[in-house]
Amino acid sequence: MLYGNMRRRMLYLMVLLMSAVEIYADLNTKTNSTQQALEGANTTLVCTFTPEDGIDITWSIIDESDVPVYNGKLLISRNEVLFKRYDLVDQASLLISNVRQSDAGTYVCSIYSSADKLSYSSPVTLNVLYIPRFSIRKQGNSIRCIPYGNPAIDQVEYYINGTKQPNLEQVTIDERFCNLVTCSAENVAGNGNRTELYCPTVKTAPEKPKDLGNQTLVGVLTSILIFLSLSVVMVIVYLALRPGPDFEQKEGRYDDLFDGPSPVSRI
């Protein structure tokens, strides 16, 4: 009977112990699996766990520099959403709104029990897909469109003024005229294109140097005119001030009339 009581107590303790550690967390994807999402769309990273009561949920995104691996940038901390684009849905899943390229990375869901026991989910890697984009290189009259996107782009289509060109790595334009060049490519994320207008460069004639000879001639003529004008003024003044030709006769008449030299002669 003593053995039976001890056995029942051992079973009871085992049940209590199992109930304390029953909580676990696991993503509904394989360990280290990859989930894809389109740029600009919404996506959900699923995390499931049991039991359903007395838990706190934390989501983080990690990178290669995180040591230990589960320490990273917190997005949701103990059920508290830290950024507007993230939210908890469907028990413990992470909703990411308006997915960006920067959202690509590895995420971990962490579950805390009411006894503050911690269990990690399997990491899930988010791969963000986005439509093709282009950088354009122009060398002389040759134009090359360099595409980038996710997934990678194999073929670029060129259009010049709306006309599709042969499948080439680059196209050549006639620089005598304006050309509307369009690069286009497609991947599973969608179609992307870029259009640029190239027109001839208008070359302005170099400015002629000012004719210094004409400027010198004008300066000389101006100086001559000023000299002649001053000379004429001086002549007029001289003529106006000098005595008249009958000055001496008038002076003699003055002596006859007044019996003496004129006041001017006495001076």
C-alpha atoms as a PDB file:
ATOM      1  CA  MET A   1       0.000   0.000   0.000  1.00  0.00           C
ATOM      2  CA  LEU A   2       2.863   2.344   0.754  1.00  0.00           C
ATOM      3  CA  TYR A   3       4.266   1.566  -2.657  1.00  0.00           C
ATOM      4  CA  GLY A   4       0.914   2.421  -4.243  1.00  0.00           C
ATOM      5  CA  ASN A   5       0.769   5.841  -2.502  1.00  0.00           C
ATOM      6  CA  MET A   6       4.296   6.687  -3.603  1.00  0.00           C
ATOM      7  CA  ARG A   7       3.465   5.704  -7.145  1.00  0.00           C
ATOM      8  CA  ARG A   8       0.367   7.912  -7.196  1.00  0.00           C
ATOM      9  CA  ARG A   9       2.393  10.833  -5.851  1.00  0.00           C
ATOM     10  CA  MET A  10       5.047  10.334  -8.507  1.00  0.00           C
ATOM     11  CA  LEU A  11       2.403  10.301 -11.235  1.00  0.00           C
ATOM     12  CA  TYR A  12       0.836  13.467  -9.798  1.00  0.00           C
ATOM     13  CA  LEU A  13       4.195  15.245  -9.773  1.00  0.00           C
ATOM     14  CA  MET A  14       4.865  14.161 -13.353  1.00  0.00           C
ATOM     15  CA  VAL A  15       1.496  15.566 -14.462  1.00  0.00           C
ATOM     16  CA  LEU A  16       2.250  18.896 -12.772  1.00  0.00           C
ATOM     17  CA  LEU A  17       5.674  19.019 -14.367  1.00  0.00           C
ATOM     18  CA  MET A  18       4.319  18.231 -17.825  1.00  0.00           C
ATOM     19  CA  SER A  19       1.618  20.886 -17.515  1.00  0.00           C
ATOM     20  CA  ALA A  20       4.261  23.477 -16.620  1.00  0.00           C
ATOM     21  CA  VAL A  21       6.361  22.840 -19.735  1.00  0.00           C
ATOM     22  CA  GLU A  22       3.616  21.943 -22.202  1.00  0.00           C
ATOM     23  CA  ILE A  23       3.823  25.284 -24.038  1.00  0.00           C
ATOM     24  CA  TYR A  24       5.688  25.285 -27.335  1.00  0.00           C
ATOM     25  CA  ALA A  25       5.861  27.456 -30.426  1.00  0.00           C
ATOM     26  CA  ASP A  26       6.398  26.484 -34.010  1.00  0.00           C
ATOM     27  CA  LEU A  27       5.899  28.106 -37.380  1.00  0.00           C
ATOM     28  CA  ASN A  28       3.632  26.282 -39.779  1.00  0.00           C
ATOM     29  CA  THR A  29       6.516  26.227 -42.262  1.00  0.00           C
ATOM     30  CA  LYS A  30       9.576  24.074 -42.265  1.00  0.00           C
ATOM     31  CA  THR A  31      12.611  25.035 -40.242  1.00  0.00           C
ATOM     32  CA  ASN A  32      14.646  27.739 -42.019  1.00  0.00           C
ATOM     33  CA  SER A  33      12.006  27.839 -44.752  1.00  0.00           C
ATOM     34  CA  THR A  34      11.518  30.801 -47.079  1.00  0.00           C
ATOM     35  CA  GLN A  35       8.284  32.730 -47.496  1.00  0.00           C
ATOM     36  CA  GLN A  36       7.782  35.044 -50.482  1.00  0.00           C
ATOM     37  CA  ALA A  37       5.931  38.347 -50.558  1.00  0.00           C
ATOM     38  CA  LEU A  38       5.357  40.978 -53.244  1.00  0.00           C
ATOM     39  CA  GLU A  39       6.631  44.498 -52.662  1.00  0.00           C
ATOM     40  CA  GLY A  40       3.699  46.767 -51.782  1.00  0.00           C
ATOM     41  CA  ALA A  41       1.402  43.901 -50.764  1.00  0.00           C
ATOM     42  CA  ASN A  42       0.581  42.479 -47.332  1.00  0.00           C
ATOM     43  CA  THR A  43       1.936  39.203 -46.021  1.00  0.00           C
ATOM     44  CA  THR A  44       1.515  37.092 -42.875  1.00  0.00           C
ATOM     45  CA  LEU A  45       4.197  35.051 -41.128  1.00  0.00           C
ATOM     46  CA  VAL A  46       2.322  32.300 -39.268  1.00  0.00           C
ATOM     47  CA  CYS A  47       3.177  31.239 -35.738  1.00  0.00           C
ATOM     48  CA  THR A  48       1.128  28.625 -33.830  1.00  0.00           C
ATOM     49  CA  PHE A  49       1.425  27.424 -30.250  1.00  0.00           C
ATOM     50  CA  THR A  50      -0.327  25.591 -27.423  1.00  0.00           C
ATOM     51  CA  PRO A  51      -1.831  26.143 -24.907  1.00  0.00           C
ATOM     52  CA  GLU A  52      -3.838  29.222 -25.842  1.00  0.00           C
ATOM     53  CA  ASP A  53      -3.934  31.037 -22.500  1.00  0.00           C
ATOM     54  CA  GLY A  54      -1.438  32.833 -20.325  1.00  0.00           C
ATOM     55  CA  ILE A  55       1.121  33.695 -22.998  1.00  0.00           C
ATOM     56  CA  ASP A  56       3.068  36.670 -24.335  1.00  0.00           C
ATOM     57  CA  ILE A  57       4.198  36.892 -27.964  1.00  0.00           C
ATOM     58  CA  THR A  58       7.333  38.547 -29.325  1.00  0.00           C
ATOM     59  CA  TRP A  59       8.409  38.893 -32.958  1.00  0.00           C
ATOM     60  CA  SER A  60      11.896  39.968 -34.028  1.00  0.00           C
ATOM     61  CA  ILE A  61      13.920  40.175 -37.207  1.00  0.00           C
ATOM     62  CA  ILE A  62      17.508  38.977 -36.987  1.00  0.00           C
ATOM     63  CA  ASP A  63      20.663  39.330 -39.050  1.00  0.00           C
ATOM     64  CA  GLU A  64      24.027  37.608 -39.225  1.00  0.00           C
ATOM     65  CA  SER A  65      25.546  39.919 -36.610  1.00  0.00           C
ATOM     66  CA  ASP A  66      23.041  38.945 -33.913  1.00  0.00           C
ATOM     67  CA  VAL A  67      24.645  36.948 -31.081  1.00  0.00           C
ATOM     68  CA  PRO A  68      22.905  34.906 -29.853  1.00  0.00           C
ATOM     69  CA  VAL A  69      20.954  34.308 -33.043  1.00  0.00           C
ATOM     70  CA  TYR A  70      17.534  35.040 -31.509  1.00  0.00           C
ATOM     71  CA  ASN A  71      18.450  38.540 -30.411  1.00  0.00           C
ATOM     72  CA  GLY A  72      17.453  41.058 -33.048  1.00  0.00           C
ATOM     73  CA  LYS A  73      15.286  44.068 -33.802  1.00  0.00           C
ATOM     74  CA  LEU A  74      12.035  43.746 -31.904  1.00  0.00           C
ATOM     75  CA  LEU A  75       8.865  44.314 -33.942  1.00  0.00           C
ATOM     76  CA  ILE A  76       6.385  43.109 -31.321  1.00  0.00           C
ATOM     77  CA  SER A  77       7.469  42.839 -27.688  1.00  0.00           C
ATOM     78  CA  ARG A  78       5.326  40.846 -25.235  1.00  0.00           C
ATOM     79  CA  ASN A  79       2.146  41.529 -27.295  1.00  0.00           C
ATOM     80  CA  GLU A  80       3.008  45.231 -27.716  1.00  0.00           C
ATOM     81  CA  VAL A  81       3.250  46.375 -31.358  1.00  0.00           C
ATOM     82  CA  LEU A  82       6.293  48.648 -31.736  1.00  0.00           C
ATOM     83  CA  PHE A  83       5.863  49.766 -35.373  1.00  0.00           C
ATOM     84  CA  LYS A  84       2.761  50.770 -37.323  1.00  0.00           C
ATOM     85  CA  ARG A  85       3.224  48.394 -40.254  1.00  0.00           C
ATOM     86  CA  TYR A  86       3.190  45.297 -38.032  1.00  0.00           C
ATOM     87  CA  ASP A  87       0.348  43.625 -36.163  1.00  0.00           C
ATOM     88  CA  LEU A  88      -0.586  40.388 -34.408  1.00  0.00           C
ATOM     89  CA  VAL A  89      -3.278  38.330 -36.148  1.00  0.00           C
ATOM     90  CA  ASP A  90      -4.663  34.810 -35.808  1.00  0.00           C
ATOM     91  CA  GLN A  91      -3.344  34.070 -32.334  1.00  0.00           C
ATOM     92  CA  ALA A  92       0.366  34.797 -32.815  1.00  0.00           C
ATOM     93  CA  SER A  93       1.014  35.422 -36.523  1.00  0.00           C
ATOM     94  CA  LEU A  94       2.813  38.525 -37.746  1.00  0.00           C
ATOM     95  CA  LEU A  95       1.050  40.714 -40.334  1.00  0.00           C
ATOM     96  CA  ILE A  96       3.354  42.976 -42.380  1.00  0.00           C
ATOM     97  CA  SER A  97       1.542  45.705 -44.318  1.00  0.00           C
ATOM     98  CA  ASN A  98       2.875  47.355 -47.483  1.00  0.00           C
ATOM     99  CA  VAL A  99       5.905  45.095 -47.751  1.00  0.00           C
ATOM    100  CA  ARG A 100       9.188  46.835 -48.577  1.00  0.00           C
ATOM    101  CA  GLN A 101      12.481  45.501 -49.889  1.00  0.00           C
ATOM    102  CA  SER A 102      13.991  46.289 -46.491  1.00  0.00           C
ATOM    103  CA  ASP A 103      11.567  43.785 -44.898  1.00  0.00           C
ATOM    104  CA  ALA A 104      13.507  40.892 -46.403  1.00  0.00           C
ATOM    105  CA  GLY A 105      15.244  38.878 -43.693  1.00  0.00           C
ATOM    106  CA  THR A 106      14.874  36.169 -41.078  1.00  0.00           C
ATOM    107  CA  TYR A 107      12.109  36.370 -38.463  1.00  0.00           C
ATOM    108  CA  VAL A 108      11.588  34.547 -35.176  1.00  0.00           C
ATOM    109  CA  CYS A 109       8.442  34.170 -33.084  1.00  0.00           C
ATOM    110  CA  SER A 110       9.037  33.839 -29.317  1.00  0.00           C
ATOM    111  CA  ILE A 111       6.398  32.561 -26.906  1.00  0.00           C
ATOM    112  CA  TYR A 112       6.407  33.205 -23.143  1.00  0.00           C
ATOM    113  CA  SER A 113       4.178  31.102 -20.879  1.00  0.00           C
ATOM    114  CA  SER A 114       2.368  32.380 -17.809  1.00  0.00           C
ATOM    115  CA  ALA A 115       5.262  30.917 -15.809  1.00  0.00           C
ATOM    116  CA  ASP A 116       7.605  33.024 -17.983  1.00  0.00           C
ATOM    117  CA  LYS A 117       8.897  29.932 -19.749  1.00  0.00           C
ATOM    118  CA  LEU A 118      10.318  30.782 -23.168  1.00  0.00           C
ATOM    119  CA  SER A 119      10.080  28.823 -26.387  1.00  0.00           C
ATOM    120  CA  TYR A 120      11.327  29.909 -29.811  1.00  0.00           C
ATOM    121  CA  SER A 121       9.805  29.166 -33.166  1.00  0.00           C
ATOM    122  CA  SER A 122      11.735  27.905 -36.136  1.00  0.00           C
ATOM    123  CA  PRO A 123      13.184  30.869 -38.069  1.00  0.00           C
ATOM    124  CA  VAL A 124      11.443  31.831 -41.312  1.00  0.00           C
ATOM    125  CA  THR A 125      13.147  33.807 -44.062  1.00  0.00           C
ATOM    126  CA  LEU A 126      11.073  36.398 -45.921  1.00  0.00           C
ATOM    127  CA  ASN A 127      12.018  36.901 -49.571  1.00  0.00           C
ATOM    128  CA  VAL A 128      10.607  40.125 -51.069  1.00  0.00           C
ATOM    129  CA  LEU A 129       9.866  40.045 -54.811  1.00  0.00           C
ATOM    130  CA  TYR A 130       9.804  43.312 -56.792  1.00  0.00           C
ATOM    131  CA  ILE A 131       9.339  44.309 -60.420  1.00  0.00           C
ATOM    132  CA  PRO A 132      12.298  45.181 -62.680  1.00  0.00           C
ATOM    133  CA  ARG A 133      14.000  48.547 -62.401  1.00  0.00           C
ATOM    134  CA  PHE A 134      16.693  49.995 -64.640  1.00  0.00           C
ATOM    135  CA  SER A 135      19.817  52.075 -64.627  1.00  0.00           C
ATOM    136  CA  ILE A 136      20.773  53.527 -68.032  1.00  0.00           C
ATOM    137  CA  ARG A 137      24.260  54.000 -69.438  1.00  0.00           C
ATOM    138  CA  LYS A 138      24.817  56.190 -72.507  1.00  0.00           C
ATOM    139  CA  GLN A 139      28.120  56.215 -74.319  1.00  0.00           C
ATOM    140  CA  GLY A 140      28.188  58.200 -77.535  1.00  0.00           C
ATOM    141  CA  ASN A 141      25.056  57.232 -79.446  1.00  0.00           C
ATOM    142  CA  SER A 142      24.809  53.807 -77.746  1.00  0.00           C
ATOM    143  CA  ILE A 143      22.348  53.216 -74.886  1.00  0.00           C
ATOM    144  CA  ARG A 144      22.308  50.222 -72.556  1.00  0.00           C
ATOM    145  CA  CYS A 145      19.670  49.456 -69.923  1.00  0.00           C
ATOM    146  CA  ILE A 146      20.921  47.507 -66.902  1.00  0.00           C
ATOM    147  CA  PRO A 147      18.007  45.782 -65.104  1.00  0.00           C
ATOM    148  CA  TYR A 148      17.732  44.712 -61.487  1.00  0.00           C
ATOM    149  CA  GLY A 149      14.864  43.051 -59.677  1.00  0.00           C
ATOM    150  CA  ASN A 150      13.832  39.995 -57.680  1.00  0.00           C
ATOM    151  CA  PRO A 151      13.819  37.468 -59.237  1.00  0.00           C
ATOM    152  CA  ALA A 152      16.599  38.418 -61.644  1.00  0.00           C
ATOM    153  CA  ILE A 153      15.787  39.533 -65.200  1.00  0.00           C
ATOM    154  CA  ASP A 154      17.088  37.595 -68.187  1.00  0.00           C
ATOM    155  CA  GLN A 155      15.942  39.721 -71.132  1.00  0.00           C
ATOM    156  CA  VAL A 156      15.431  43.447 -71.744  1.00  0.00           C
ATOM    157  CA  GLU A 157      13.243  44.774 -74.561  1.00  0.00           C
ATOM    158  CA  TYR A 158      14.087  48.115 -76.180  1.00  0.00           C
ATOM    159  CA  TYR A 159      11.703  50.537 -77.899  1.00  0.00           C
ATOM    160  CA  ILE A 160      12.790  53.625 -79.835  1.00  0.00           C
ATOM    161  CA  ASN A 161       9.958  56.079 -80.527  1.00  0.00           C
ATOM    162  CA  GLY A 162       7.491  53.252 -79.870  1.00  0.00           C
ATOM    163  CA  THR A 163       9.110  50.757 -82.246  1.00  0.00           C
ATOM    164  CA  LYS A 164      10.423  47.521 -80.757  1.00  0.00           C
ATOM    165  CA  GLN A 165      14.080  46.897 -81.456  1.00  0.00           C
ATOM    166  CA  PRO A 166      15.850  43.565 -82.051  1.00  0.00           C
ATOM    167  CA  ASN A 167      16.864  41.686 -78.906  1.00  0.00           C
ATOM    168  CA  LEU A 168      20.217  43.261 -78.213  1.00  0.00           C
ATOM    169  CA  GLU A 169      22.190  44.213 -75.123  1.00  0.00           C
ATOM    170  CA  GLN A 170      22.156  47.841 -76.245  1.00  0.00           C
ATOM    171  CA  VAL A 171      20.691  50.081 -78.943  1.00  0.00           C
ATOM    172  CA  THR A 172      22.043  52.874 -81.133  1.00  0.00           C
ATOM    173  CA  ILE A 173      20.165  56.126 -81.721  1.00  0.00           C
ATOM    174  CA  ASP A 174      20.408  58.761 -84.461  1.00  0.00           C
ATOM    175  CA  GLU A 175      21.591  61.810 -82.557  1.00  0.00           C
ATOM    176  CA  ARG A 176      20.440  64.184 -85.302  1.00  0.00           C
ATOM    177  CA  PHE A 177      16.881  63.784 -84.005  1.00  0.00           C
ATOM    178  CA  CYS A 178      15.064  63.396 -80.696  1.00  0.00           C
ATOM    179  CA  ASN A 179      14.648  59.756 -79.615  1.00  0.00           C
ATOM    180  CA  LEU A 180      12.269  58.351 -76.985  1.00  0.00           C
ATOM    181  CA  VAL A 181      13.987  55.237 -75.606  1.00  0.00           C
ATOM    182  CA  THR A 182      12.063  52.739 -73.452  1.00  0.00           C
ATOM    183  CA  CYS A 183      13.524  49.756 -71.582  1.00  0.00           C
ATOM    184  CA  SER A 184      11.083  47.030 -70.547  1.00  0.00           C
ATOM    185  CA  ALA A 185      11.414  43.707 -68.701  1.00  0.00           C
ATOM    186  CA  GLU A 186       9.247  41.255 -66.786  1.00  0.00           C
ATOM    187  CA  ASN A 187       9.584  38.796 -63.920  1.00  0.00           C
ATOM    188  CA  VAL A 188       7.107  36.972 -61.685  1.00  0.00           C
ATOM    189  CA  ALA A 189       6.573  40.164 -59.667  1.00  0.00           C
ATOM    190  CA  GLY A 190       5.336  42.038 -62.736  1.00  0.00           C
ATOM    191  CA  ASN A 191       6.440  44.270 -65.585  1.00  0.00           C
ATOM    192  CA  GLY A 192       8.760  47.233 -65.179  1.00  0.00           C
ATOM    193  CA  ASN A 193       9.913  49.889 -67.622  1.00  0.00           C
ATOM    194  CA  ARG A 194      11.791  53.151 -67.869  1.00  0.00           C
ATOM    195  CA  THR A 195      11.605  55.815 -70.593  1.00  0.00           C
ATOM    196  CA  GLU A 196      14.107  58.569 -71.356  1.00  0.00           C
ATOM    197  CA  LEU A 197      14.129  61.295 -74.033  1.00  0.00           C
ATOM    198  CA  TYR A 198      17.390  62.059 -75.839  1.00  0.00           C
ATOM    199  CA  CYS A 199      17.600  65.135 -78.087  1.00  0.00           C
ATOM    200  CA  PRO A 200      20.503  66.694 -80.035  1.00  0.00           C
ATOM    201  CA  THR A 201      22.586  69.153 -78.126  1.00  0.00           C
ATOM    202  CA  VAL A 202      22.254  72.664 -79.593  1.00  0.00           C
ATOM    203  CA  LYS A 203      25.716  74.091 -80.055  1.00  0.00           C
ATOM    204  CA  THR A 204      25.852  77.857 -79.680  1.00  0.00           C
ATOM    205  CA  ALA A 205      28.335  79.835 -81.799  1.00  0.00           C
ATOM    206  CA  PRO A 206      31.222  81.226 -79.814  1.00  0.00           C
ATOM    207  CA  GLU A 207      30.902  84.904 -79.012  1.00  0.00           C
ATOM    208  CA  LYS A 208      32.950  87.075 -81.310  1.00  0.00           C
ATOM    209  CA  PRO A 209      35.612  89.133 -79.612  1.00  0.00           C
ATOM    210  CA  LYS A 210      34.864  92.807 -79.447  1.00  0.00           C
ATOM    211  CA  ASP A 211      36.498  94.931 -82.168  1.00  0.00           C
ATOM    212  CA  LEU A 212      39.036  96.921 -80.197  1.00  0.00           C
ATOM    213  CA  GLY A 213      40.063  98.826 -83.370  1.00  0.00           C
ATOM    214  CA  ASN A 214      36.615 100.383 -83.742  1.00  0.00           C
ATOM    215  CA  GLN A 215      36.573 101.308 -80.081  1.00  0.00           C
ATOM    216  CA  THR A 216      39.942 103.057 -80.458  1.00  0.00           C
ATOM    217  CA  LEU A 217      38.747 105.000 -83.538  1.00  0.00           C
ATOM    218  CA  VAL A 218      35.630 106.154 -81.740  1.00  0.00           C
ATOM    219  CA  GLY A 219      37.719 107.308 -78.792  1.00  0.00           C
ATOM    220  CA  VAL A 220      40.074 109.285 -81.056  1.00  0.00           C
ATOM    221  CA  LEU A 221      37.198 110.968 -82.921  1.00  0.00           C
ATOM    222  CA  THR A 222      35.534 111.841 -79.626  1.00  0.00           C
ATOM    223  CA  SER A 223      38.755 113.435 -78.353  1.00  0.00           C
ATOM    224  CA  ILE A 224      39.107 115.465 -81.569  1.00  0.00           C
ATOM    225  CA  LEU A 225      35.557 116.730 -81.337  1.00  0.00           C
ATOM    226  CA  ILE A 226      36.068 117.773 -77.728  1.00  0.00           C
ATOM    227  CA  PHE A 227      39.303 119.585 -78.671  1.00  0.00           C
ATOM    228  CA  LEU A 228      37.652 121.435 -81.560  1.00  0.00           C
ATOM    229  CA  SER A 229      34.687 122.392 -79.380  1.00  0.00           C
ATOM    230  CA  LEU A 230      36.999 123.848 -76.718  1.00  0.00           C
ATOM    231  CA  SER A 231      38.987 125.686 -79.385  1.00  0.00           C
ATOM    232  CA  VAL A 232      35.880 127.314 -80.808  1.00  0.00           C
ATOM    233  CA  VAL A 233      34.775 128.401 -77.360  1.00  0.00           C
ATOM    234  CA  MET A 234      38.171 129.956 -76.655  1.00  0.00           C
ATOM    235  CA  VAL A 235      38.134 131.877 -79.953  1.00  0.00           C
ATOM    236  CA  ILE A 236      34.682 133.242 -79.256  1.00  0.00           C
ATOM    237  CA  VAL A 237      35.712 134.374 -75.796  1.00  0.00           C
ATOM    238  CA  TYR A 238      38.873 136.013 -77.157  1.00  0.00           C
ATOM    239  CA  LEU A 239      36.980 137.921 -79.813  1.00  0.00           C
ATOM    240  CA  ALA A 240      34.416 139.060 -77.332  1.00  0.00           C
ATOM    241  CA  LEU A 241      36.980 140.468 -74.905  1.00  0.00           C
ATOM    242  CA  ARG A 242      39.627 142.140 -77.128  1.00  0.00           C
ATOM    243  CA  PRO A 243      39.311 145.991 -77.866  1.00  0.00           C
ATOM    244  CA  GLY A 244      37.707 147.129 -81.121  1.00  0.00           C
ATOM    245  CA  PRO A 245      39.778 148.699 -84.041  1.00  0.00           C
ATOM    246  CA  ASP A 246      38.644 152.340 -83.363  1.00  0.00           C
ATOM    247  CA  PHE A 247      39.633 152.288 -79.731  1.00  0.00           C
ATOM    248  CA  GLU A 248      42.551 154.759 -80.202  1.00  0.00           C
ATOM    249  CA  GLN A 249      40.408 157.203 -82.205  1.00  0.00           C
ATOM    250  CA  LYS A 250      37.807 157.336 -79.519  1.00  0.00           C
ATOM    251  CA  GLU A 251      40.512 157.928 -76.945  1.00  0.00           C
ATOM    252  CA  GLY A 252      41.775 161.005 -78.939  1.00  0.00           C
ATOM    253  CA  ARG A 253      38.364 162.454 -79.188  1.00  0.00           C
ATOM    254  CA  TYR A 254      38.037 162.245 -75.441  1.00  0.00           C
ATOM    255  CA  ASP A 255      41.150 164.404 -75.054  1.00  0.00           C
ATOM    256  CA  ASP A 256      39.767 167.048 -77.397  1.00  0.00           C
ATOM    257  CA  LEU A 257      36.505 167.272 -75.601  1.00  0.00           C
ATOM    258  CA  PHE A 258      37.778 167.412 -72.087  1.00  0.00           C
ATOM    259  CA  ASP A 259      41.199 169.007 -72.516  1.00  0.00           C
ATOM    260  CA  GLY A 260      43.065 166.147 -71.016  1.00  0.00           C
ATOM    261  CA  PRO A 261      43.841 162.500 -71.304  1.00  0.00           C
ATOM    262  CA  SER A 262      41.075 160.084 -70.772  1.00  0.00           C
ATOM    263  CA  PRO A 263      40.832 158.260 -67.479  1.00  0.00           C
ATOM    264  CA  VAL A 264      41.917 155.106 -69.209  1.00  0.00           C
ATOM    265  CA  SER A 265      45.185 156.664 -70.450  1.00  0.00           C
ATOM    266  CA  ARG A 266      45.936 158.101 -67.034  1.00  0.00           C
ATOM    267  CA  ILE A 267      45.741 154.715 -65.611  1.00  0.00           C
END
